[in-house]
Structures are given as structure tokens and as C-alpha cells.
Amino acid sequence: MQIATRVDDNQAALFRETTKRLGTTPADALRMFINAFNEYRGFPYEVRLAREELEPFPSESEATDYASRLALRLSDETR
């Protein structure tokens, strides 16, 4: 089956360049996305609306703790 879509020229060029730098092709990257989408039964990442107001972390330590927990969660999800 063939799937086609239109994207902005700049986005397409960046996509081609990024896949090349990753050592893959645009077609393979799309196949990987489709496989992940089907396995997750939806997007393989969070899809949400941005918060209207972002609240800063009370301290740098709390920001670092949050970033560490997020990185570990994402790492676990990719295994």
C-alpha cells in the first residue's frame, strides 16, 4: 500500500536531512512511525494542547528533578 501526503518544502527538506543524519531514509522513518503508531494504538508521544500559563519551577533543583524523572520515564517507554 502506498500512503502520500503534502508537507511544506522547508519541512520536507529538514526531514530528509535529519533522516540522512540519523542513517536512515524518509521512507524508513515513516514506516517506523507507522509501526510505533499502530503498536501504541495512537501517537507514540503525548499529544496535548499547550498550557495557557506556564508556571516556573520554584527552584533549579526541582527543575532538574523533574527533567530527570521525565528522561527516565521516556527511556522506560522506549524499551
Protein backbone atom coordinates (compact mmCIF):
# COMPACT_ATOMS: atom_id res chain seq x y z
CA MET A 1 0.00 0.00 0.00
CA GLN A 2 1.22 3.49 -0.71
CA ILE A 3 0.45 6.48 1.50
CA ALA A 4 1.06 10.03 0.30
CA THR A 5 0.78 13.44 1.94
CA ARG A 6 1.84 17.01 1.25
CA VAL A 7 4.18 18.95 3.50
CA ASP A 8 5.84 22.34 3.38
CA ASP A 9 9.03 22.38 1.28
CA ASN A 10 11.15 23.53 4.24
CA GLN A 11 9.75 20.79 6.47
CA ALA A 12 10.38 18.16 3.78
CA ALA A 13 13.98 19.31 3.32
CA LEU A 14 14.61 19.26 7.08
CA PHE A 15 13.00 15.80 7.30
CA ARG A 16 15.24 14.44 4.52
CA GLU A 17 18.35 15.97 6.10
CA THR A 18 17.52 14.71 9.58
CA THR A 19 16.80 11.16 8.41
CA LYS A 20 20.06 11.19 6.46
CA ARG A 21 21.99 12.32 9.55
CA LEU A 22 20.32 9.53 11.51
CA GLY A 23 21.45 7.00 8.91
CA THR A 24 18.01 6.18 7.58
CA THR A 25 15.69 7.28 4.80
CA PRO A 26 12.48 9.31 4.86
CA ALA A 27 10.54 6.21 3.79
CA ASP A 28 12.03 4.11 6.60
CA ALA A 29 11.36 6.87 9.15
CA LEU A 30 7.72 6.97 8.08
CA ARG A 31 7.48 3.17 8.31
CA MET A 32 8.97 3.34 11.84
CA PHE A 33 6.42 5.99 12.82
CA ILE A 34 3.52 3.96 11.41
CA ASN A 35 4.72 0.82 13.24
CA ALA A 36 5.02 2.75 16.53
CA PHE A 37 1.64 4.44 15.96
CA ASN A 38 -0.03 1.08 15.40
CA GLU A 39 1.72 -0.58 18.35
CA TYR A 40 0.75 2.27 20.71
CA ARG A 41 -2.73 2.40 19.13
CA GLY A 42 -2.19 6.12 18.72
CA PHE A 43 0.62 8.60 18.77
CA PRO A 44 3.83 7.22 20.30
CA TYR A 45 4.22 10.50 22.21
CA GLU A 46 1.96 12.83 24.14
CA VAL A 47 -0.44 14.90 22.09
CA ARG A 48 -1.88 17.77 24.04
CA LEU A 49 -2.65 21.45 23.99
CA ALA A 50 -0.08 23.81 25.43
CA ARG A 51 -0.84 25.28 28.81
CA GLU A 52 -2.07 28.81 28.63
CA GLU A 53 0.17 29.84 31.51
CA LEU A 54 3.38 28.08 32.37
CA GLU A 55 4.48 28.19 35.96
CA PRO A 56 8.22 28.30 36.63
CA PHE A 57 9.76 25.74 38.93
CA PRO A 58 10.32 27.09 42.41
CA SER A 59 14.00 26.12 42.26
CA GLU A 60 16.65 24.83 39.90
CA SER A 61 16.78 21.63 41.94
CA GLU A 62 13.08 20.94 41.34
CA ALA A 63 13.51 21.61 37.62
CA THR A 64 16.44 19.17 37.50
CA ASP A 65 14.48 16.52 39.41
CA TYR A 66 11.54 16.89 37.01
CA ALA A 67 13.79 16.62 33.94
CA SER A 68 15.47 13.50 35.36
CA ARG A 69 12.15 11.79 36.09
CA LEU A 70 10.87 12.67 32.61
CA ALA A 71 14.01 11.30 30.94
CA LEU A 72 13.77 8.05 32.91
CA ARG A 73 10.07 7.67 32.05
CA LEU A 74 10.73 8.24 28.36
CA SER A 75 13.64 5.81 28.46
CA ASP A 76 11.43 3.15 30.08
CA GLU A 77 8.69 3.69 27.49
CA THR A 78 11.08 3.07 24.60
CA ARG A 79 12.23 -0.29 25.92
